[in-house]
Amino acid sequence: MRRFLPVAVAVLLGTGGWLGAQDSRQIEAGRKIYESQGCAKCHMVGGRGNRISPLDGVGDRLSAVDIRRWLTHTAQMEDALPKAPAIKMSTRKYNFNDADLAALVAYLRSLKEK
């Protein structure tokens, strides 16, 4: 049994089995938070929402750390932009708990260019 456990863990991790399922649950939770928070009022994903700030491909452009900063230190991230955004996220107050924030970051990181 001792020899089997490390091999089983390696197979599950390598194939995305256990972690893949965990990640997909977190991504789905993040998508639900995105929807419940009304993010589509200002952002567009997959052709749905406001064209002003499309998020398709954001997972390729921003790291998880930067996405998290956009959600936790929004005014600082806006100030670092070369041009002021049409709609400022910093006018809205976010109060995500750690699990919701992690899920939302996972969802946004999953938005890759096709």
C-alpha atoms as a PDB file:
ATOM      1  CA  MET A   1       0.000   0.000   0.000  1.00  0.00           C
ATOM      2  CA  ARG A   2       2.851   2.388   0.800  1.00  0.00           C
ATOM      3  CA  ARG A   3       4.212   2.119  -2.733  1.00  0.00           C
ATOM      4  CA  PHE A   4       0.791   2.482  -4.329  1.00  0.00           C
ATOM      5  CA  LEU A   5      -0.181   5.780  -2.667  1.00  0.00           C
ATOM      6  CA  PRO A   6       2.601   7.980  -4.144  1.00  0.00           C
ATOM      7  CA  VAL A   7       1.997   6.471  -7.585  1.00  0.00           C
ATOM      8  CA  ALA A   8      -1.768   7.046  -7.332  1.00  0.00           C
ATOM      9  CA  VAL A   9      -1.243  10.635  -6.233  1.00  0.00           C
ATOM     10  CA  ALA A  10       1.218  11.241  -9.075  1.00  0.00           C
ATOM     11  CA  VAL A  11      -1.207   9.780 -11.622  1.00  0.00           C
ATOM     12  CA  LEU A  12      -4.116  11.861 -10.323  1.00  0.00           C
ATOM     13  CA  LEU A  13      -2.072  15.053 -10.298  1.00  0.00           C
ATOM     14  CA  GLY A  14      -0.439  14.360 -13.640  1.00  0.00           C
ATOM     15  CA  THR A  15      -3.709  13.675 -15.443  1.00  0.00           C
ATOM     16  CA  GLY A  16      -5.603  16.509 -13.834  1.00  0.00           C
ATOM     17  CA  GLY A  17      -7.908  13.985 -12.159  1.00  0.00           C
ATOM     18  CA  TRP A  18      -8.305  15.165  -8.598  1.00  0.00           C
ATOM     19  CA  LEU A  19      -6.887  18.659  -9.040  1.00  0.00           C
ATOM     20  CA  GLY A  20      -8.665  19.068 -12.372  1.00  0.00           C
ATOM     21  CA  ALA A  21     -12.016  18.361 -10.714  1.00  0.00           C
ATOM     22  CA  GLN A  22     -11.171  20.680  -7.830  1.00  0.00           C
ATOM     23  CA  ASP A  23     -10.118  23.431 -10.241  1.00  0.00           C
ATOM     24  CA  SER A  24     -13.265  23.057 -12.352  1.00  0.00           C
ATOM     25  CA  ARG A  25     -15.446  23.374  -9.234  1.00  0.00           C
ATOM     26  CA  GLN A  26     -13.581  26.510  -8.183  1.00  0.00           C
ATOM     27  CA  ILE A  27     -13.821  27.988 -11.687  1.00  0.00           C
ATOM     28  CA  GLU A  28     -17.568  27.315 -11.763  1.00  0.00           C
ATOM     29  CA  ALA A  29     -17.950  28.920  -8.330  1.00  0.00           C
ATOM     30  CA  GLY A  30     -16.030  31.937  -9.642  1.00  0.00           C
ATOM     31  CA  ARG A  31     -18.279  32.171 -12.701  1.00  0.00           C
ATOM     32  CA  LYS A  32     -21.316  32.253 -10.407  1.00  0.00           C
ATOM     33  CA  ILE A  33     -19.740  35.025  -8.315  1.00  0.00           C
ATOM     34  CA  TYR A  34     -18.966  36.972 -11.508  1.00  0.00           C
ATOM     35  CA  GLU A  35     -22.634  36.689 -12.481  1.00  0.00           C
ATOM     36  CA  SER A  36     -24.087  37.409  -9.040  1.00  0.00           C
ATOM     37  CA  GLN A  37     -21.916  40.512  -8.594  1.00  0.00           C
ATOM     38  CA  GLY A  38     -23.151  41.970 -11.897  1.00  0.00           C
ATOM     39  CA  CYS A  39     -19.683  42.101 -13.451  1.00  0.00           C
ATOM     40  CA  ALA A  40     -21.232  41.915 -16.937  1.00  0.00           C
ATOM     41  CA  LYS A  41     -22.573  45.450 -16.443  1.00  0.00           C
ATOM     42  CA  CYS A  42     -19.032  46.652 -17.170  1.00  0.00           C
ATOM     43  CA  HIS A  43     -17.255  43.583 -18.605  1.00  0.00           C
ATOM     44  CA  MET A  44     -17.848  41.209 -21.485  1.00  0.00           C
ATOM     45  CA  VAL A  45     -17.016  37.493 -21.599  1.00  0.00           C
ATOM     46  CA  GLY A  46     -17.778  35.347 -24.606  1.00  0.00           C
ATOM     47  CA  GLY A  47     -19.797  38.055 -26.309  1.00  0.00           C
ATOM     48  CA  ARG A  48     -22.053  38.576 -23.275  1.00  0.00           C
ATOM     49  CA  GLY A  49     -21.959  41.802 -21.293  1.00  0.00           C
ATOM     50  CA  ASN A  50     -20.618  45.307 -21.802  1.00  0.00           C
ATOM     51  CA  ARG A  51     -18.137  45.813 -24.639  1.00  0.00           C
ATOM     52  CA  ILE A  52     -16.293  48.550 -22.756  1.00  0.00           C
ATOM     53  CA  SER A  53     -14.055  46.120 -20.868  1.00  0.00           C
ATOM     54  CA  PRO A  54     -13.850  42.651 -22.450  1.00  0.00           C
ATOM     55  CA  LEU A  55     -12.260  39.986 -20.281  1.00  0.00           C
ATOM     56  CA  ASP A  56     -11.761  37.289 -22.920  1.00  0.00           C
ATOM     57  CA  GLY A  57      -8.102  36.283 -22.759  1.00  0.00           C
ATOM     58  CA  VAL A  58      -7.480  38.008 -19.410  1.00  0.00           C
ATOM     59  CA  GLY A  59      -6.055  34.728 -18.116  1.00  0.00           C
ATOM     60  CA  ASP A  60      -3.276  35.042 -20.694  1.00  0.00           C
ATOM     61  CA  ARG A  61      -2.609  38.728 -20.008  1.00  0.00           C
ATOM     62  CA  LEU A  62      -2.684  38.903 -16.204  1.00  0.00           C
ATOM     63  CA  SER A  63      -1.222  36.728 -13.498  1.00  0.00           C
ATOM     64  CA  ALA A  64      -3.341  35.453 -10.630  1.00  0.00           C
ATOM     65  CA  VAL A  65      -1.579  38.013  -8.415  1.00  0.00           C
ATOM     66  CA  ASP A  66      -2.534  40.889 -10.719  1.00  0.00           C
ATOM     67  CA  ILE A  67      -6.136  39.734 -11.042  1.00  0.00           C
ATOM     68  CA  ARG A  68      -6.332  39.504  -7.261  1.00  0.00           C
ATOM     69  CA  ARG A  69      -4.906  43.047  -7.008  1.00  0.00           C
ATOM     70  CA  TRP A  70      -7.588  44.329  -9.402  1.00  0.00           C
ATOM     71  CA  LEU A  71     -10.186  42.947  -6.986  1.00  0.00           C
ATOM     72  CA  THR A  72      -8.527  44.042  -3.743  1.00  0.00           C
ATOM     73  CA  HIS A  73      -6.530  47.180  -4.628  1.00  0.00           C
ATOM     74  CA  THR A  74      -8.602  48.453  -7.499  1.00  0.00           C
ATOM     75  CA  ALA A  75      -7.756  52.172  -7.243  1.00  0.00           C
ATOM     76  CA  GLN A  76      -4.013  51.425  -7.248  1.00  0.00           C
ATOM     77  CA  MET A  77      -4.371  49.254 -10.345  1.00  0.00           C
ATOM     78  CA  GLU A  78      -6.400  51.952 -12.114  1.00  0.00           C
ATOM     79  CA  ASP A  79      -3.816  54.596 -11.210  1.00  0.00           C
ATOM     80  CA  ALA A  80      -1.101  52.470 -12.843  1.00  0.00           C
ATOM     81  CA  LEU A  81      -2.924  52.407 -16.197  1.00  0.00           C
ATOM     82  CA  PRO A  82      -1.573  54.668 -18.949  1.00  0.00           C
ATOM     83  CA  LYS A  83      -5.080  56.048 -19.504  1.00  0.00           C
ATOM     84  CA  ALA A  84      -7.996  56.372 -17.089  1.00  0.00           C
ATOM     85  CA  PRO A  85     -10.648  53.694 -17.689  1.00  0.00           C
ATOM     86  CA  ALA A  86     -14.061  54.707 -19.049  1.00  0.00           C
ATOM     87  CA  ILE A  87     -15.707  53.148 -15.994  1.00  0.00           C
ATOM     88  CA  LYS A  88     -13.754  52.995 -12.755  1.00  0.00           C
ATOM     89  CA  MET A  89     -13.999  49.752 -10.823  1.00  0.00           C
ATOM     90  CA  SER A  90     -12.790  51.606  -7.745  1.00  0.00           C
ATOM     91  CA  THR A  91     -16.153  53.353  -7.420  1.00  0.00           C
ATOM     92  CA  ARG A  92     -17.613  50.013  -6.412  1.00  0.00           C
ATOM     93  CA  LYS A  93     -16.768  48.434  -3.073  1.00  0.00           C
ATOM     94  CA  TYR A  94     -15.976  44.728  -3.110  1.00  0.00           C
ATOM     95  CA  ASN A  95     -16.077  42.579  -0.012  1.00  0.00           C
ATOM     96  CA  PHE A  96     -15.076  39.087  -1.084  1.00  0.00           C
ATOM     97  CA  ASN A  97     -14.185  36.463   1.485  1.00  0.00           C
ATOM     98  CA  ASP A  98     -11.004  34.481   0.789  1.00  0.00           C
ATOM     99  CA  ALA A  99     -12.814  31.531  -0.825  1.00  0.00           C
ATOM    100  CA  ASP A 100     -14.895  33.754  -3.118  1.00  0.00           C
ATOM    101  CA  LEU A 101     -11.848  35.791  -4.095  1.00  0.00           C
ATOM    102  CA  ALA A 102      -9.879  32.631  -4.916  1.00  0.00           C
ATOM    103  CA  ALA A 103     -12.792  31.291  -6.973  1.00  0.00           C
ATOM    104  CA  LEU A 104     -13.198  34.542  -8.889  1.00  0.00           C
ATOM    105  CA  VAL A 105      -9.461  34.667  -9.618  1.00  0.00           C
ATOM    106  CA  ALA A 106      -9.589  31.037 -10.814  1.00  0.00           C
ATOM    107  CA  TYR A 107     -12.501  31.837 -13.114  1.00  0.00           C
ATOM    108  CA  LEU A 108     -10.803  34.906 -14.582  1.00  0.00           C
ATOM    109  CA  ARG A 109      -7.527  33.005 -15.019  1.00  0.00           C
ATOM    110  CA  SER A 110      -9.479  30.361 -16.959  1.00  0.00           C
ATOM    111  CA  LEU A 111     -10.451  32.959 -19.577  1.00  0.00           C
ATOM    112  CA  LYS A 112      -7.731  32.213 -22.121  1.00  0.00           C
ATOM    113  CA  GLU A 113      -7.433  33.138 -25.787  1.00  0.00           C
ATOM    114  CA  LYS A 114      -8.821  30.450 -28.020  1.00  0.00           C
END
